[in-house]
């Protein structure tokens, strides 16, 4: 199954501030979300952070957070940026 991945404006705005290698990892994460779905245990520090909410580390200081409603084909990346400002 191929999922639709939507990236919120705020996540894009923060992603521009990330180092290029972290932006590249975010792009890989988005590809994996699209191809494999919202549950990605192979990503570093992947975990659920609430009902239908997930996160993983892109690097030591960088994370991405997304949400997915059960049975939906849309995944929404609502945060990408520093761990310090992560909404969890």
C-alpha atoms as a PDB file:
ATOM      1  CA  UNK A   1       0.000   0.000   0.000  1.00  0.00           C
ATOM      2  CA  UNK A   2       1.217   3.505  -0.827  1.00  0.00           C
ATOM      3  CA  UNK A   3       0.395   6.179   1.751  1.00  0.00           C
ATOM      4  CA  UNK A   4      -0.124   9.880   1.083  1.00  0.00           C
ATOM      5  CA  UNK A   5       2.321  11.894   3.185  1.00  0.00           C
ATOM      6  CA  UNK A   6       1.392  15.485   3.973  1.00  0.00           C
ATOM      7  CA  UNK A   7       3.977  17.811   5.476  1.00  0.00           C
ATOM      8  CA  UNK A   8       2.647  20.733   7.506  1.00  0.00           C
ATOM      9  CA  UNK A   9       3.966  24.225   6.696  1.00  0.00           C
ATOM     10  CA  UNK A  10       5.527  24.566  10.148  1.00  0.00           C
ATOM     11  CA  UNK A  11       7.449  21.307   9.651  1.00  0.00           C
ATOM     12  CA  UNK A  12       8.777  22.520   6.298  1.00  0.00           C
ATOM     13  CA  UNK A  13       9.755  25.855   7.807  1.00  0.00           C
ATOM     14  CA  UNK A  14      11.737  24.091  10.554  1.00  0.00           C
ATOM     15  CA  UNK A  15      13.260  21.589   8.126  1.00  0.00           C
ATOM     16  CA  UNK A  16      14.870  24.412   6.148  1.00  0.00           C
ATOM     17  CA  UNK A  17      16.832  25.312   9.296  1.00  0.00           C
ATOM     18  CA  UNK A  18      18.185  21.769   9.683  1.00  0.00           C
ATOM     19  CA  UNK A  19      21.634  20.757   8.353  1.00  0.00           C
ATOM     20  CA  UNK A  20      21.539  19.327   4.847  1.00  0.00           C
ATOM     21  CA  UNK A  21      22.358  15.792   5.981  1.00  0.00           C
ATOM     22  CA  UNK A  22      19.349  15.897   8.343  1.00  0.00           C
ATOM     23  CA  UNK A  23      17.160  17.242   5.536  1.00  0.00           C
ATOM     24  CA  UNK A  24      18.290  14.255   3.461  1.00  0.00           C
ATOM     25  CA  UNK A  25      17.338  11.882   6.307  1.00  0.00           C
ATOM     26  CA  UNK A  26      13.938  13.574   6.555  1.00  0.00           C
ATOM     27  CA  UNK A  27      13.443  12.943   2.831  1.00  0.00           C
ATOM     28  CA  UNK A  28      14.315   9.254   3.380  1.00  0.00           C
ATOM     29  CA  UNK A  29      11.868   9.105   6.286  1.00  0.00           C
ATOM     30  CA  UNK A  30       9.110  10.567   4.128  1.00  0.00           C
ATOM     31  CA  UNK A  31       9.871   7.967   1.443  1.00  0.00           C
ATOM     32  CA  UNK A  32       9.666   5.190   4.050  1.00  0.00           C
ATOM     33  CA  UNK A  33       6.403   6.579   5.442  1.00  0.00           C
ATOM     34  CA  UNK A  34       4.954   6.619   1.932  1.00  0.00           C
ATOM     35  CA  UNK A  35       6.157   3.110   1.088  1.00  0.00           C
ATOM     36  CA  UNK A  36       5.945   1.278   4.442  1.00  0.00           C
ATOM     37  CA  UNK A  37       3.383   3.161   6.491  1.00  0.00           C
ATOM     38  CA  UNK A  38       3.479   4.947   9.838  1.00  0.00           C
ATOM     39  CA  UNK A  39       5.097   2.235  11.963  1.00  0.00           C
ATOM     40  CA  UNK A  40       8.846   2.250  11.290  1.00  0.00           C
ATOM     41  CA  UNK A  41      10.687   0.335  14.028  1.00  0.00           C
ATOM     42  CA  UNK A  42      13.905   0.331  11.970  1.00  0.00           C
ATOM     43  CA  UNK A  43      14.298   4.104  12.462  1.00  0.00           C
ATOM     44  CA  UNK A  44      16.384   5.296  15.452  1.00  0.00           C
ATOM     45  CA  UNK A  45      14.373   5.811  18.639  1.00  0.00           C
ATOM     46  CA  UNK A  46      11.090   5.203  16.828  1.00  0.00           C
ATOM     47  CA  UNK A  47       8.185   5.158  19.248  1.00  0.00           C
ATOM     48  CA  UNK A  48       4.573   6.012  19.676  1.00  0.00           C
ATOM     49  CA  UNK A  49       4.020   9.236  21.608  1.00  0.00           C
ATOM     50  CA  UNK A  50       0.277   8.952  22.028  1.00  0.00           C
ATOM     51  CA  UNK A  51      -2.655   7.414  20.271  1.00  0.00           C
ATOM     52  CA  UNK A  52      -1.898   7.564  16.531  1.00  0.00           C
ATOM     53  CA  UNK A  53       1.175   9.798  17.082  1.00  0.00           C
ATOM     54  CA  UNK A  54       4.754   8.701  16.376  1.00  0.00           C
ATOM     55  CA  UNK A  55       8.272  10.079  16.302  1.00  0.00           C
ATOM     56  CA  UNK A  56      11.836   9.095  15.472  1.00  0.00           C
ATOM     57  CA  UNK A  57      15.268  10.659  15.636  1.00  0.00           C
ATOM     58  CA  UNK A  58      16.894  11.881  12.458  1.00  0.00           C
ATOM     59  CA  UNK A  59      20.121  12.593  14.343  1.00  0.00           C
ATOM     60  CA  UNK A  60      21.289  13.324  17.868  1.00  0.00           C
ATOM     61  CA  UNK A  61      19.586  16.737  17.944  1.00  0.00           C
ATOM     62  CA  UNK A  62      16.883  16.299  15.304  1.00  0.00           C
ATOM     63  CA  UNK A  63      13.493  14.560  15.283  1.00  0.00           C
ATOM     64  CA  UNK A  64      10.395  14.155  13.154  1.00  0.00           C
ATOM     65  CA  UNK A  65       6.843  13.612  14.423  1.00  0.00           C
ATOM     66  CA  UNK A  66       3.806  12.401  12.507  1.00  0.00           C
ATOM     67  CA  UNK A  67       0.257  11.258  13.031  1.00  0.00           C
ATOM     68  CA  UNK A  68      -1.885   8.648  11.353  1.00  0.00           C
ATOM     69  CA  UNK A  69      -5.474   7.659  11.919  1.00  0.00           C
ATOM     70  CA  UNK A  70      -6.097   3.903  11.835  1.00  0.00           C
ATOM     71  CA  UNK A  71      -7.119   2.629   8.421  1.00  0.00           C
ATOM     72  CA  UNK A  72      -6.403   5.986   6.719  1.00  0.00           C
ATOM     73  CA  UNK A  73      -4.028   6.266   3.775  1.00  0.00           C
ATOM     74  CA  UNK A  74      -2.819   9.735   4.826  1.00  0.00           C
ATOM     75  CA  UNK A  75       0.095  10.359   7.176  1.00  0.00           C
ATOM     76  CA  UNK A  76       0.720  13.911   8.389  1.00  0.00           C
ATOM     77  CA  UNK A  77       4.236  15.018   9.344  1.00  0.00           C
ATOM     78  CA  UNK A  78       3.484  17.847  11.758  1.00  0.00           C
ATOM     79  CA  UNK A  79       6.965  18.492  13.157  1.00  0.00           C
ATOM     80  CA  UNK A  80      10.545  18.242  11.947  1.00  0.00           C
ATOM     81  CA  UNK A  81      13.276  20.028  13.820  1.00  0.00           C
ATOM     82  CA  UNK A  82      15.314  20.130  16.998  1.00  0.00           C
ATOM     83  CA  UNK A  83      14.599  17.795  19.890  1.00  0.00           C
ATOM     84  CA  UNK A  84      14.547  20.808  22.220  1.00  0.00           C
ATOM     85  CA  UNK A  85      11.394  22.194  20.610  1.00  0.00           C
ATOM     86  CA  UNK A  86       9.667  18.889  19.825  1.00  0.00           C
ATOM     87  CA  UNK A  87       5.968  18.854  20.748  1.00  0.00           C
ATOM     88  CA  UNK A  88       6.002  15.752  22.948  1.00  0.00           C
END
